[in-house]
N, C-alpha and C. Protein backbone atom coordinates (compact mmCIF):
# COMPACT_ATOMS: atom_id res chain seq x y z
N MET A 1 -41.76 -2.41 -45.21
CA MET A 1 -42.41 -2.21 -46.48
C MET A 1 -42.69 -3.55 -47.15
N ILE A 2 -41.81 -4.49 -46.89
CA ILE A 2 -42.03 -5.82 -47.48
C ILE A 2 -43.30 -6.43 -46.90
N LEU A 3 -43.50 -6.28 -45.58
CA LEU A 3 -44.72 -6.81 -44.97
C LEU A 3 -45.96 -6.13 -45.55
N ALA A 4 -45.90 -4.83 -45.79
CA ALA A 4 -47.04 -4.12 -46.37
C ALA A 4 -47.32 -4.65 -47.78
N PHE A 5 -46.27 -4.92 -48.53
CA PHE A 5 -46.42 -5.45 -49.88
C PHE A 5 -47.02 -6.85 -49.84
N GLU A 6 -46.52 -7.68 -48.93
CA GLU A 6 -46.97 -9.07 -48.86
C GLU A 6 -48.33 -9.26 -48.20
N LYS A 7 -48.60 -8.50 -47.14
CA LYS A 7 -49.81 -8.73 -46.35
C LYS A 7 -50.81 -7.58 -46.35
N GLY A 8 -50.38 -6.42 -46.84
CA GLY A 8 -51.24 -5.25 -46.78
C GLY A 8 -52.43 -5.33 -47.73
N LYS A 9 -53.45 -4.56 -47.41
CA LYS A 9 -54.65 -4.50 -48.24
C LYS A 9 -54.50 -3.35 -49.23
N CYS A 10 -54.89 -3.59 -50.45
CA CYS A 10 -54.80 -2.58 -51.51
C CYS A 10 -55.56 -1.32 -51.09
N GLY A 11 -54.90 -0.17 -51.22
CA GLY A 11 -55.51 1.11 -50.89
C GLY A 11 -55.38 1.52 -49.44
N GLU A 12 -54.84 0.64 -48.59
CA GLU A 12 -54.68 0.95 -47.16
C GLU A 12 -53.33 1.62 -46.92
N SER A 13 -53.25 2.35 -45.83
CA SER A 13 -52.01 2.98 -45.41
C SER A 13 -51.61 2.43 -44.05
N TYR A 14 -50.31 2.34 -43.83
CA TYR A 14 -49.81 1.81 -42.57
C TYR A 14 -48.71 2.72 -42.05
N ILE A 15 -48.74 3.00 -40.75
CA ILE A 15 -47.71 3.80 -40.10
C ILE A 15 -46.61 2.83 -39.67
N LEU A 16 -45.42 3.02 -40.24
CA LEU A 16 -44.31 2.13 -39.92
C LEU A 16 -43.41 2.79 -38.89
N GLY A 17 -43.95 2.94 -37.71
CA GLY A 17 -43.22 3.60 -36.63
C GLY A 17 -43.34 2.81 -35.36
N HIS A 18 -42.75 3.31 -34.31
CA HIS A 18 -42.77 2.60 -33.03
C HIS A 18 -43.72 3.24 -32.05
N ARG A 19 -43.44 4.48 -31.67
CA ARG A 19 -44.34 5.17 -30.74
C ARG A 19 -44.37 6.65 -31.08
N ASN A 20 -45.41 7.29 -30.67
CA ASN A 20 -45.60 8.70 -30.96
C ASN A 20 -44.71 9.55 -30.05
N LEU A 21 -44.01 10.52 -30.65
CA LEU A 21 -43.15 11.43 -29.90
C LEU A 21 -43.40 12.86 -30.36
N SER A 22 -43.23 13.79 -29.47
CA SER A 22 -43.24 15.19 -29.88
C SER A 22 -41.88 15.50 -30.49
N TYR A 23 -41.77 16.61 -31.20
CA TYR A 23 -40.48 17.02 -31.74
C TYR A 23 -39.46 17.18 -30.62
N VAL A 24 -39.87 17.76 -29.52
CA VAL A 24 -38.96 17.97 -28.39
C VAL A 24 -38.43 16.64 -27.88
N GLU A 25 -39.32 15.67 -27.67
CA GLU A 25 -38.89 14.36 -27.18
C GLU A 25 -37.92 13.70 -28.17
N PHE A 26 -38.26 13.75 -29.46
CA PHE A 26 -37.42 13.13 -30.48
C PHE A 26 -36.02 13.74 -30.49
N PHE A 27 -35.94 15.07 -30.51
CA PHE A 27 -34.63 15.71 -30.59
C PHE A 27 -33.83 15.56 -29.30
N LYS A 28 -34.50 15.40 -28.17
CA LYS A 28 -33.79 15.08 -26.93
C LYS A 28 -33.12 13.72 -27.06
N MET A 29 -33.83 12.76 -27.66
CA MET A 29 -33.27 11.43 -27.85
C MET A 29 -32.08 11.47 -28.81
N VAL A 30 -32.18 12.25 -29.87
CA VAL A 30 -31.08 12.38 -30.83
C VAL A 30 -29.87 13.00 -30.14
N ASN A 31 -30.09 14.07 -29.39
CA ASN A 31 -29.00 14.71 -28.67
C ASN A 31 -28.32 13.76 -27.68
N ARG A 32 -29.11 12.96 -26.99
CA ARG A 32 -28.54 11.97 -26.07
C ARG A 32 -27.67 10.97 -26.83
N ALA A 33 -28.16 10.54 -28.00
CA ALA A 33 -27.44 9.54 -28.80
C ALA A 33 -26.10 10.06 -29.30
N ILE A 34 -26.01 11.37 -29.55
CA ILE A 34 -24.74 11.92 -30.03
C ILE A 34 -23.92 12.54 -28.91
N GLY A 35 -24.42 12.42 -27.68
CA GLY A 35 -23.67 12.88 -26.52
C GLY A 35 -23.67 14.38 -26.32
N ARG A 36 -24.72 15.02 -26.75
CA ARG A 36 -24.84 16.48 -26.56
C ARG A 36 -25.93 16.79 -25.55
N GLU A 37 -25.73 17.92 -24.88
CA GLU A 37 -26.78 18.39 -23.97
C GLU A 37 -27.92 18.92 -24.83
N SER A 38 -29.12 18.63 -24.42
CA SER A 38 -30.29 19.04 -25.18
C SER A 38 -30.78 20.41 -24.74
N LYS A 39 -30.53 21.41 -25.57
CA LYS A 39 -31.04 22.76 -25.29
C LYS A 39 -32.10 23.05 -26.33
N GLN A 40 -33.33 22.97 -25.90
CA GLN A 40 -34.43 23.18 -26.83
C GLN A 40 -35.40 24.20 -26.26
N TYR A 41 -35.98 24.92 -27.17
CA TYR A 41 -36.90 25.97 -26.79
C TYR A 41 -38.20 25.78 -27.57
N THR A 42 -39.29 26.04 -26.92
CA THR A 42 -40.58 25.96 -27.57
C THR A 42 -41.06 27.37 -27.83
N LEU A 43 -41.26 27.68 -29.10
CA LEU A 43 -41.74 29.01 -29.48
C LEU A 43 -43.25 29.05 -29.48
N PRO A 44 -43.83 30.19 -29.20
CA PRO A 44 -45.29 30.31 -29.30
C PRO A 44 -45.75 30.06 -30.74
N LYS A 45 -46.91 29.47 -30.86
CA LYS A 45 -47.47 29.12 -32.17
C LYS A 45 -47.48 30.33 -33.12
N THR A 46 -47.86 31.49 -32.62
CA THR A 46 -47.94 32.68 -33.49
C THR A 46 -46.58 33.06 -34.04
N VAL A 47 -45.52 32.87 -33.27
CA VAL A 47 -44.16 33.18 -33.74
C VAL A 47 -43.76 32.22 -34.86
N VAL A 48 -44.07 30.95 -34.69
CA VAL A 48 -43.74 29.94 -35.70
C VAL A 48 -44.50 30.24 -37.00
N LEU A 49 -45.78 30.55 -36.89
CA LEU A 49 -46.58 30.85 -38.08
C LEU A 49 -46.10 32.12 -38.77
N LEU A 50 -45.76 33.13 -37.99
CA LEU A 50 -45.24 34.37 -38.55
C LEU A 50 -43.91 34.13 -39.28
N ALA A 51 -43.06 33.31 -38.69
CA ALA A 51 -41.78 32.96 -39.34
C ALA A 51 -42.04 32.26 -40.67
N GLY A 52 -43.03 31.39 -40.70
CA GLY A 52 -43.40 30.70 -41.95
C GLY A 52 -43.87 31.67 -43.01
N LEU A 53 -44.69 32.63 -42.61
CA LEU A 53 -45.17 33.65 -43.55
C LEU A 53 -44.02 34.50 -44.08
N CYS A 54 -43.11 34.90 -43.20
CA CYS A 54 -41.95 35.71 -43.60
C CYS A 54 -41.06 34.94 -44.57
N SER A 55 -40.83 33.68 -44.28
CA SER A 55 -40.00 32.85 -45.15
C SER A 55 -40.65 32.68 -46.52
N GLN A 56 -41.95 32.51 -46.52
CA GLN A 56 -42.68 32.37 -47.78
C GLN A 56 -42.62 33.67 -48.58
N ALA A 57 -42.73 34.81 -47.91
CA ALA A 57 -42.63 36.10 -48.59
C ALA A 57 -41.22 36.29 -49.17
N ALA A 58 -40.20 35.90 -48.41
CA ALA A 58 -38.83 36.00 -48.90
C ALA A 58 -38.62 35.12 -50.12
N GLN A 59 -39.25 33.96 -50.10
CA GLN A 59 -39.17 33.05 -51.25
C GLN A 59 -39.75 33.69 -52.50
N LYS A 60 -40.88 34.37 -52.34
CA LYS A 60 -41.51 35.02 -53.49
C LYS A 60 -40.67 36.19 -53.99
N LEU A 61 -40.09 36.94 -53.07
CA LEU A 61 -39.27 38.10 -53.46
C LEU A 61 -37.98 37.69 -54.15
N THR A 62 -37.32 36.68 -53.61
CA THR A 62 -36.01 36.28 -54.14
C THR A 62 -36.11 35.22 -55.24
N ARG A 63 -37.28 34.61 -55.36
CA ARG A 63 -37.51 33.51 -56.30
C ARG A 63 -36.57 32.32 -56.03
N LYS A 64 -36.16 32.19 -54.77
CA LYS A 64 -35.34 31.07 -54.33
C LYS A 64 -36.14 30.24 -53.34
N LYS A 65 -36.14 28.93 -53.55
CA LYS A 65 -36.88 28.03 -52.67
C LYS A 65 -36.28 28.03 -51.27
N THR A 66 -37.13 28.13 -50.28
CA THR A 66 -36.70 28.06 -48.88
C THR A 66 -37.07 26.70 -48.30
N VAL A 67 -36.42 26.33 -47.21
CA VAL A 67 -36.73 25.04 -46.59
C VAL A 67 -37.87 25.17 -45.58
N PHE A 68 -38.30 26.39 -45.32
CA PHE A 68 -39.36 26.63 -44.35
C PHE A 68 -40.37 27.58 -44.98
N ASN A 69 -41.64 27.26 -44.86
CA ASN A 69 -42.69 28.14 -45.38
C ASN A 69 -43.92 28.05 -44.47
N TYR A 70 -44.98 28.71 -44.87
CA TYR A 70 -46.16 28.76 -44.02
C TYR A 70 -46.77 27.37 -43.81
N GLN A 71 -46.82 26.56 -44.88
CA GLN A 71 -47.41 25.22 -44.76
C GLN A 71 -46.62 24.37 -43.75
N ILE A 72 -45.31 24.46 -43.82
CA ILE A 72 -44.49 23.69 -42.89
C ILE A 72 -44.67 24.22 -41.46
N SER A 73 -44.72 25.55 -41.32
CA SER A 73 -44.92 26.12 -39.98
C SER A 73 -46.25 25.67 -39.39
N LYS A 74 -47.27 25.58 -40.23
CA LYS A 74 -48.58 25.11 -39.77
C LYS A 74 -48.51 23.66 -39.30
N MET A 75 -47.83 22.83 -40.09
CA MET A 75 -47.71 21.41 -39.74
C MET A 75 -46.98 21.22 -38.41
N THR A 76 -45.95 22.04 -38.17
CA THR A 76 -45.18 21.87 -36.94
C THR A 76 -45.95 22.29 -35.69
N THR A 77 -47.02 23.04 -35.87
CA THR A 77 -47.79 23.48 -34.70
C THR A 77 -48.99 22.59 -34.41
N LEU A 78 -49.23 21.60 -35.26
CA LEU A 78 -50.36 20.70 -35.04
C LEU A 78 -50.02 19.67 -33.98
N GLN A 79 -50.98 19.30 -33.19
CA GLN A 79 -50.82 18.24 -32.20
C GLN A 79 -51.33 16.95 -32.82
N THR A 80 -50.50 16.32 -33.63
CA THR A 80 -50.93 15.10 -34.33
C THR A 80 -50.47 13.86 -33.57
N TYR A 81 -51.17 12.78 -33.79
CA TYR A 81 -50.82 11.52 -33.16
C TYR A 81 -50.85 10.43 -34.22
N TYR A 82 -49.78 9.65 -34.27
CA TYR A 82 -49.70 8.55 -35.22
C TYR A 82 -49.47 7.26 -34.45
N SER A 83 -50.10 6.21 -34.91
CA SER A 83 -49.97 4.93 -34.22
C SER A 83 -49.68 3.82 -35.24
N PRO A 84 -48.75 2.92 -34.91
CA PRO A 84 -48.47 1.79 -35.78
C PRO A 84 -49.39 0.58 -35.51
N LYS A 85 -50.43 0.79 -34.68
CA LYS A 85 -51.29 -0.31 -34.23
C LYS A 85 -51.82 -1.15 -35.40
N LYS A 86 -52.27 -0.49 -36.47
CA LYS A 86 -52.81 -1.22 -37.62
C LYS A 86 -51.72 -2.05 -38.30
N ALA A 87 -50.52 -1.49 -38.44
CA ALA A 87 -49.42 -2.22 -39.06
C ALA A 87 -49.03 -3.43 -38.22
N VAL A 88 -49.06 -3.27 -36.91
CA VAL A 88 -48.71 -4.37 -36.02
C VAL A 88 -49.77 -5.47 -36.11
N SER A 89 -51.05 -5.09 -36.03
CA SER A 89 -52.11 -6.10 -36.01
C SER A 89 -52.36 -6.73 -37.37
N GLU A 90 -52.34 -5.96 -38.46
CA GLU A 90 -52.65 -6.51 -39.77
C GLU A 90 -51.44 -7.09 -40.50
N LEU A 91 -50.27 -6.53 -40.26
CA LEU A 91 -49.07 -6.98 -40.98
C LEU A 91 -48.13 -7.82 -40.13
N GLY A 92 -48.33 -7.77 -38.81
CA GLY A 92 -47.41 -8.45 -37.91
C GLY A 92 -46.05 -7.75 -37.86
N MET A 93 -46.09 -6.44 -38.03
CA MET A 93 -44.86 -5.67 -38.08
C MET A 93 -44.16 -5.66 -36.73
N PRO A 94 -42.89 -6.08 -36.71
CA PRO A 94 -42.15 -6.02 -35.44
C PRO A 94 -41.85 -4.57 -35.06
N GLN A 95 -41.67 -4.34 -33.78
CA GLN A 95 -41.41 -3.00 -33.29
C GLN A 95 -39.97 -2.89 -32.80
N THR A 96 -39.23 -1.97 -33.40
CA THR A 96 -37.86 -1.69 -32.99
C THR A 96 -37.89 -0.44 -32.13
N PRO A 97 -37.25 -0.44 -30.98
CA PRO A 97 -37.24 0.77 -30.16
C PRO A 97 -36.68 1.97 -30.94
N ILE A 98 -37.24 3.13 -30.71
CA ILE A 98 -36.83 4.34 -31.42
C ILE A 98 -35.35 4.62 -31.19
N GLU A 99 -34.87 4.35 -29.99
CA GLU A 99 -33.46 4.58 -29.69
C GLU A 99 -32.56 3.79 -30.66
N ALA A 100 -32.94 2.55 -30.96
CA ALA A 100 -32.15 1.72 -31.89
C ALA A 100 -32.22 2.30 -33.30
N ALA A 101 -33.39 2.79 -33.70
CA ALA A 101 -33.53 3.38 -35.03
C ALA A 101 -32.69 4.66 -35.15
N ILE A 102 -32.65 5.45 -34.10
CA ILE A 102 -31.84 6.67 -34.10
C ILE A 102 -30.36 6.31 -34.24
N GLU A 103 -29.92 5.32 -33.46
CA GLU A 103 -28.52 4.88 -33.54
C GLU A 103 -28.18 4.39 -34.95
N ASP A 104 -29.06 3.58 -35.55
CA ASP A 104 -28.83 3.09 -36.92
C ASP A 104 -28.76 4.24 -37.91
N SER A 105 -29.66 5.20 -37.76
CA SER A 105 -29.68 6.35 -38.66
C SER A 105 -28.40 7.17 -38.53
N LEU A 106 -27.96 7.39 -37.30
CA LEU A 106 -26.72 8.15 -37.08
C LEU A 106 -25.52 7.43 -37.70
N ARG A 107 -25.46 6.11 -37.54
CA ARG A 107 -24.37 5.34 -38.15
C ARG A 107 -24.37 5.50 -39.66
N GLY A 108 -25.55 5.42 -40.27
CA GLY A 108 -25.65 5.58 -41.72
C GLY A 108 -25.27 6.98 -42.18
N LEU A 109 -25.73 8.00 -41.46
CA LEU A 109 -25.39 9.38 -41.81
C LEU A 109 -23.89 9.64 -41.69
N LYS A 110 -23.27 9.03 -40.67
CA LYS A 110 -21.81 9.15 -40.51
C LYS A 110 -21.09 8.43 -41.64
N ALA A 111 -21.54 7.24 -41.97
CA ALA A 111 -20.89 6.43 -43.00
C ALA A 111 -20.92 7.13 -44.36
N TYR A 112 -21.99 7.85 -44.64
CA TYR A 112 -22.10 8.57 -45.91
C TYR A 112 -21.52 9.98 -45.85
N GLY A 113 -20.97 10.34 -44.70
CA GLY A 113 -20.32 11.64 -44.57
C GLY A 113 -21.25 12.82 -44.44
N HIS A 114 -22.52 12.57 -44.09
CA HIS A 114 -23.49 13.65 -43.94
C HIS A 114 -23.35 14.37 -42.60
N ILE A 115 -22.83 13.65 -41.60
CA ILE A 115 -22.59 14.26 -40.29
C ILE A 115 -21.23 13.78 -39.78
N THR A 116 -20.68 14.55 -38.84
CA THR A 116 -19.35 14.20 -38.31
C THR A 116 -19.37 13.96 -36.80
N CYS A 117 -20.52 14.13 -36.15
CA CYS A 117 -20.56 13.96 -34.69
C CYS A 117 -20.59 12.50 -34.29
C-alpha cells in the first residue's frame, strides 16, 4: 500500500496479490499449511445459487443478517482472473509467494486467538 501511495497514479487501482488461484487451490494450500487433509467438494452452480437465494429469504424472514446471500453465491460462481502485473510494473511491487502469505496469516490468527490449529 505504501508503494501505491508513493508511486501510484491518482484514480488507478492495483491488485496487491501474487498469482491467481481458484478457491479450491487456495483452500488446499491452507489445509496443507495447517497439516490437514484437503477434503473439498465442488457444488454445481445451480445448487450454490439456490443456497444463496434460500439464505437471503431466511434473512428477510428472520430479520437477521446472514453471512451468505444471493450476491455472494453469484460471486463465488464467477470465473474471475486477477493479475498483479500492473502493480509489479508501475509500482515495482515485490512478489511474496502465496505459501509465505498463508503462513504469516496463520501465525497472526493464532497469535490473536482467532484459530487454534
